[in-house]
Amino acid sequence: MDGIPPERTVTDSWPALHGRPVLRRTVAVGLVLCVSVAAALVVRGVNALTAGGTGRETDRDRAERLAGLHPSQHPGVGRFYVPVGAVYTHTSDGAPVAYLHYRLGGGRAPGLGDFLSAYDLPAPGPVAPLPADLLAALGGDEPSEAPELPDSPPPPVVTPSPSATSATPTPTPAESPSPEATPAPESGDPAADPADPADPSAAPAPVVAPAPDPVPDEPAAPDEPTPDDPAPSHTWTPTPSPTAVPTHAPTARRIYVATISGGLPGAADIYIRATG
């Protein structure tokens, strides 16, 4: 048709591809590989940038953190337990409260002993009734009573304080020893008097005239240090300053351990109530 330009193809823009189908296929495959590699690098870079983010915190994370059992609160353990039940809510006065339920299979799987050692918890104590609000929150087959761990609230999370810098030395001048005047021996004591009148060979003791009293209107000049006097020394006493301040008040938690009847050694159900 007159007036309509002919359709252009890739070979028209790249004359070297005319009559060379193998080269055309090679170029097409190379372009596809380049695009795929570039897309993979972009995806990997995005994942690397977002890997360090904490993401959205769930109620389970808040409950674990309030009870002091969140993985971030025990970085050196290298393992952590995931609760099968977690409830995070607030009391009527607005205080946060968390309820957690852990189930340990025992046997070859980690059991009660590993759980207590991982979170540095003491051994269970005497049997105590479970709180009514814990039973209502979890709403499962919890027992009415179970051995309770001794009261051991988790330590508060601390952050370095801005004032926790190097200790500021406070100079404390040390007092230099002052020479004490040696009292003159009494003349009535023949043993202490060097000039004994009974000894003709003894020389008469020199008479020392008393020093005149200083004028009261003029203050006495300070003693100038002599080469023999030691220079005054300073004792540096560091001023203590707090190294860390708690970011929140310590939480109170109660932990109950109920062994699973007929289960493997170490199998147990752990129920936790924590308040902030």
Protein backbone atom coordinates (compact mmCIF):
# COMPACT_ATOMS: atom_id res chain seq x y z
CA MET A 1 0.00 0.00 0.00
CA ASP A 2 1.36 3.33 -0.98
CA GLY A 3 2.09 5.78 1.84
CA ILE A 4 2.57 3.11 4.58
CA PRO A 5 6.21 2.48 5.57
CA PRO A 6 7.29 -1.17 5.75
CA GLU A 7 7.40 -2.82 9.20
CA ARG A 8 10.85 -2.75 10.78
CA THR A 9 12.34 -5.77 12.53
CA VAL A 10 15.25 -6.25 14.89
CA THR A 11 17.46 -7.28 12.02
CA ASP A 12 16.78 -3.96 10.34
CA SER A 13 18.32 -2.14 13.34
CA TRP A 14 21.14 -4.68 13.61
CA PRO A 15 22.32 -5.47 10.06
CA ALA A 16 24.88 -7.99 11.32
CA LEU A 17 22.05 -10.39 12.26
CA HIS A 18 20.81 -10.74 8.67
CA GLY A 19 20.97 -14.39 7.66
CA ARG A 20 22.55 -15.54 10.96
CA PRO A 21 19.86 -17.33 13.07
CA VAL A 22 22.36 -18.81 15.53
CA LEU A 23 23.71 -15.40 16.40
CA ARG A 24 20.20 -14.09 16.84
CA ARG A 25 19.35 -16.85 19.30
CA THR A 26 22.59 -16.29 21.21
CA VAL A 27 21.91 -12.59 21.57
CA ALA A 28 18.34 -13.24 22.74
CA VAL A 29 19.47 -15.76 25.38
CA GLY A 30 22.18 -13.38 26.58
CA LEU A 31 19.69 -10.55 27.02
CA VAL A 32 17.33 -12.80 29.00
CA LEU A 33 20.17 -13.94 31.27
CA CYS A 34 21.29 -10.36 31.90
CA VAL A 35 17.79 -9.29 32.86
CA SER A 36 17.36 -12.32 35.16
CA VAL A 37 20.69 -11.71 36.95
CA ALA A 38 19.88 -8.02 37.40
CA ALA A 39 16.47 -8.85 38.86
CA ALA A 40 18.00 -11.41 41.26
CA LEU A 41 20.57 -8.87 42.46
CA VAL A 42 17.85 -6.29 43.08
CA VAL A 43 15.76 -8.77 45.08
CA ARG A 44 18.76 -9.87 47.12
CA GLY A 45 19.71 -6.28 47.88
CA VAL A 46 16.22 -5.47 49.07
CA ASN A 47 16.21 -8.56 51.32
CA ALA A 48 19.59 -7.63 52.76
CA LEU A 49 18.39 -4.13 53.60
CA THR A 50 15.21 -5.33 55.27
CA ALA A 51 16.68 -8.36 57.04
CA GLY A 52 17.74 -6.34 60.09
CA GLY A 53 14.29 -4.88 60.66
CA THR A 54 12.14 -6.17 63.47
CA GLY A 55 8.97 -6.05 61.43
CA ARG A 56 5.56 -5.78 62.99
CA GLU A 57 5.51 -6.81 66.63
CA THR A 58 2.70 -9.21 67.50
CA ASP A 59 0.90 -9.78 70.78
CA ARG A 60 2.97 -12.92 71.25
CA ASP A 61 6.17 -10.86 71.03
CA ARG A 62 4.79 -8.36 73.53
CA ALA A 63 3.75 -11.13 75.91
CA GLU A 64 7.15 -12.84 75.69
CA ARG A 65 8.96 -9.55 76.19
CA LEU A 66 6.84 -8.66 79.23
CA ALA A 67 7.58 -12.08 80.76
CA GLY A 68 11.30 -11.76 80.01
CA LEU A 69 11.34 -14.78 77.67
CA HIS A 70 11.69 -13.07 74.29
CA PRO A 71 14.61 -14.33 72.15
CA SER A 72 16.07 -10.83 71.97
CA GLN A 73 16.36 -10.80 75.78
CA HIS A 74 18.51 -13.96 75.75
CA PRO A 75 20.89 -13.50 72.81
CA GLY A 76 23.56 -15.84 74.16
CA VAL A 77 21.32 -18.88 74.52
CA GLY A 78 21.23 -19.76 70.83
CA ARG A 79 17.76 -21.34 71.05
CA PHE A 80 14.33 -20.29 72.18
CA TYR A 81 10.91 -21.77 72.79
CA VAL A 82 7.71 -20.78 71.03
CA PRO A 83 4.58 -20.69 73.20
CA VAL A 84 1.52 -22.61 72.07
CA GLY A 85 -0.70 -19.97 73.65
CA ALA A 86 -0.09 -16.28 74.24
CA VAL A 87 -2.44 -13.49 75.34
CA TYR A 88 -1.43 -9.86 75.78
CA THR A 89 -3.94 -7.45 77.27
CA HIS A 90 -4.31 -4.71 79.90
CA THR A 91 -5.90 -4.62 83.31
CA SER A 92 -8.65 -2.22 84.31
CA ASP A 93 -6.09 0.33 85.50
CA GLY A 94 -4.17 0.17 82.19
CA ALA A 95 -1.24 -2.01 83.32
CA PRO A 96 -0.07 -4.58 80.73
CA VAL A 97 -0.52 -8.25 81.56
CA ALA A 98 0.60 -11.32 79.61
CA TYR A 99 -0.38 -14.98 79.76
CA LEU A 100 1.82 -17.66 78.16
CA HIS A 101 1.56 -21.42 77.76
CA TYR A 102 4.57 -23.54 76.75
CA ARG A 103 4.29 -27.26 76.05
CA LEU A 104 7.46 -29.37 76.26
CA GLY A 105 7.48 -32.81 74.67
CA GLY A 106 10.42 -34.22 76.64
CA GLY A 107 12.30 -37.36 75.65
CA ARG A 108 14.77 -36.61 72.88
CA ALA A 109 13.13 -33.24 72.39
CA PRO A 110 14.09 -30.44 74.81
CA GLY A 111 12.34 -30.87 78.13
CA LEU A 112 11.79 -29.04 81.37
CA GLY A 113 15.44 -29.06 82.42
CA ASP A 114 16.58 -27.44 79.18
CA PHE A 115 13.82 -24.82 79.41
CA LEU A 116 14.84 -23.82 82.94
CA SER A 117 18.53 -23.66 82.07
CA ALA A 118 17.92 -21.72 78.85
CA TYR A 119 16.09 -18.93 80.67
CA ASP A 120 18.08 -19.23 83.95
CA LEU A 121 15.04 -20.22 86.01
CA PRO A 122 15.04 -22.01 89.37
CA ALA A 123 13.53 -25.41 90.01
CA PRO A 124 9.80 -25.61 90.78
CA GLY A 125 8.72 -25.22 94.38
CA PRO A 126 5.58 -26.24 96.26
CA VAL A 127 2.17 -26.61 94.66
CA ALA A 128 0.09 -23.43 94.37
CA PRO A 129 -3.26 -22.63 92.73
CA LEU A 130 -3.20 -21.01 89.30
CA PRO A 131 -4.65 -17.47 89.12
CA ALA A 132 -8.24 -17.27 87.97
CA ASP A 133 -7.48 -14.68 85.28
CA LEU A 134 -4.79 -16.97 83.79
CA LEU A 135 -7.27 -19.83 83.51
CA ALA A 136 -9.85 -17.52 81.93
CA ALA A 137 -7.37 -15.99 79.47
CA LEU A 138 -5.92 -19.25 78.14
CA GLY A 139 -9.22 -21.10 78.27
CA GLY A 140 -7.72 -24.57 77.78
CA ASP A 141 -7.30 -27.66 79.87
CA GLU A 142 -5.13 -25.99 82.49
CA PRO A 143 -4.97 -27.63 85.91
CA SER A 144 -6.32 -25.81 88.94
CA GLU A 145 -2.96 -26.03 90.72
CA ALA A 146 0.65 -26.82 89.87
CA PRO A 147 4.15 -26.44 91.36
CA GLU A 148 5.19 -22.80 91.24
CA LEU A 149 8.70 -21.51 90.66
CA PRO A 150 10.17 -19.29 93.39
CA ASP A 151 9.67 -15.59 92.88
CA SER A 152 12.35 -14.49 90.42
CA PRO A 153 11.29 -11.42 88.42
CA PRO A 154 13.25 -10.93 85.21
CA PRO A 155 15.88 -8.19 85.27
CA PRO A 156 14.82 -4.93 83.58
CA VAL A 157 16.21 -4.07 80.20
CA VAL A 158 18.88 -1.41 80.59
CA THR A 159 20.34 1.02 78.14
CA PRO A 160 23.52 3.10 78.51
CA SER A 161 22.87 6.43 80.13
CA PRO A 162 24.21 9.60 78.49
CA SER A 163 25.82 10.50 81.81
CA ALA A 164 27.68 7.21 81.91
CA THR A 165 30.93 8.61 80.66
CA SER A 166 34.39 8.21 82.03
CA ALA A 167 34.69 8.97 85.71
CA THR A 168 35.53 12.60 86.42
CA PRO A 169 38.62 12.76 88.61
CA THR A 170 38.33 15.01 91.65
CA PRO A 171 41.67 16.26 92.94
CA THR A 172 42.10 15.82 96.67
CA PRO A 173 45.22 17.53 97.95
CA ALA A 174 47.09 15.41 100.45
CA GLU A 175 48.22 17.10 103.62
CA SER A 176 51.96 17.50 103.87
CA PRO A 177 53.46 16.44 107.17
CA SER A 178 54.18 19.40 109.41
CA PRO A 179 57.25 19.22 111.58
CA GLU A 180 56.48 19.05 115.25
CA ALA A 181 58.46 21.09 117.68
CA THR A 182 60.68 19.02 119.91
CA PRO A 183 60.30 20.10 123.55
CA ALA A 184 63.44 21.28 125.27
CA PRO A 185 64.63 19.08 128.11
CA GLU A 186 64.06 20.33 131.61
CA SER A 187 67.07 21.52 133.48
CA GLY A 188 66.06 19.62 136.60
CA ASP A 189 66.67 16.26 134.94
CA PRO A 190 70.41 15.47 135.02
CA ALA A 191 70.00 12.64 132.53
CA ALA A 192 68.24 14.83 129.98
CA ASP A 193 70.33 17.98 130.49
CA PRO A 194 73.38 17.89 128.20
CA ALA A 195 75.20 20.47 130.28
CA ASP A 196 75.48 18.71 133.62
CA PRO A 197 76.96 21.05 136.21
CA ALA A 198 78.48 18.07 137.99
CA ASP A 199 80.66 17.32 134.99
CA PRO A 200 83.44 19.94 134.79
CA SER A 201 84.33 18.93 131.25
CA ALA A 202 80.81 19.56 129.96
CA ALA A 203 80.38 22.74 127.99
CA PRO A 204 77.70 25.16 129.15
CA ALA A 205 74.45 24.96 127.19
CA PRO A 206 73.92 27.87 124.81
CA VAL A 207 71.20 30.25 125.75
CA VAL A 208 68.60 30.63 123.00
CA ALA A 209 66.69 33.86 123.01
CA PRO A 210 62.93 33.48 122.44
CA ALA A 211 61.68 34.55 119.02
CA PRO A 212 59.72 37.78 119.00
CA ASP A 213 55.96 37.46 118.62
CA PRO A 214 54.62 38.26 115.12
CA VAL A 215 52.89 41.52 114.67
CA PRO A 216 49.14 40.83 114.99
CA ASP A 217 48.19 43.36 112.33
CA GLU A 218 50.29 41.69 109.62
CA PRO A 219 49.57 38.04 108.71
CA ALA A 220 52.49 35.72 108.85
CA ALA A 221 54.08 34.94 105.50
CA PRO A 222 53.45 31.41 104.23
CA ASP A 223 56.26 28.96 104.50
CA GLU A 224 58.20 28.71 101.26
CA PRO A 225 59.00 25.18 100.19
CA THR A 226 62.62 24.19 100.45
CA PRO A 227 64.36 21.67 98.23
CA ASP A 228 64.20 19.13 101.06
CA ASP A 229 60.40 19.46 101.48
CA PRO A 230 58.35 17.09 99.30
CA ALA A 231 56.06 18.72 96.76
CA PRO A 232 52.35 18.48 97.61
CA SER A 233 50.77 15.48 95.92
CA HIS A 234 47.18 15.10 94.65
CA THR A 235 45.09 11.99 95.01
CA TRP A 236 42.64 11.51 92.13
CA THR A 237 39.34 10.14 93.36
CA PRO A 238 36.90 9.13 90.57
CA THR A 239 33.36 10.32 91.02
CA PRO A 240 30.97 7.36 90.62
CA SER A 241 28.17 7.76 88.12
CA PRO A 242 25.40 5.34 87.10
CA THR A 243 26.27 3.25 84.06
CA ALA A 244 22.75 2.34 83.06
CA VAL A 245 19.19 3.28 83.80
CA PRO A 246 16.19 0.97 83.52
CA THR A 247 13.91 1.64 80.59
CA HIS A 248 10.86 0.29 82.42
CA ALA A 249 9.84 -0.92 85.84
CA PRO A 250 10.70 -4.52 86.67
CA THR A 251 7.91 -6.93 85.80
CA ALA A 252 6.34 -9.39 88.22
CA ARG A 253 5.73 -12.88 86.89
CA ARG A 254 4.47 -16.17 88.25
CA ILE A 255 5.49 -19.43 86.58
CA TYR A 256 3.75 -22.77 87.11
CA VAL A 257 5.01 -26.16 85.91
CA ALA A 258 2.58 -29.06 85.44
CA THR A 259 4.08 -32.40 84.44
CA ILE A 260 2.23 -34.27 81.72
CA SER A 261 0.79 -37.49 83.11
CA GLY A 262 2.00 -40.49 81.15
CA GLY A 263 4.35 -38.36 79.05
CA LEU A 264 8.05 -38.75 78.33
CA PRO A 265 10.67 -37.68 80.87
CA GLY A 266 10.87 -33.89 80.88
CA ALA A 267 7.43 -33.39 79.34
CA ALA A 268 5.58 -30.54 81.03
CA ASP A 269 3.16 -27.68 80.54
CA ILE A 270 4.40 -24.29 81.67
CA TYR A 271 1.95 -21.48 82.47
CA ILE A 272 3.17 -17.92 83.00
CA ARG A 273 1.42 -14.78 84.18
CA ALA A 274 3.44 -11.55 83.91
CA THR A 275 2.45 -7.98 84.72
CA GLY A 276 4.23 -4.73 84.09
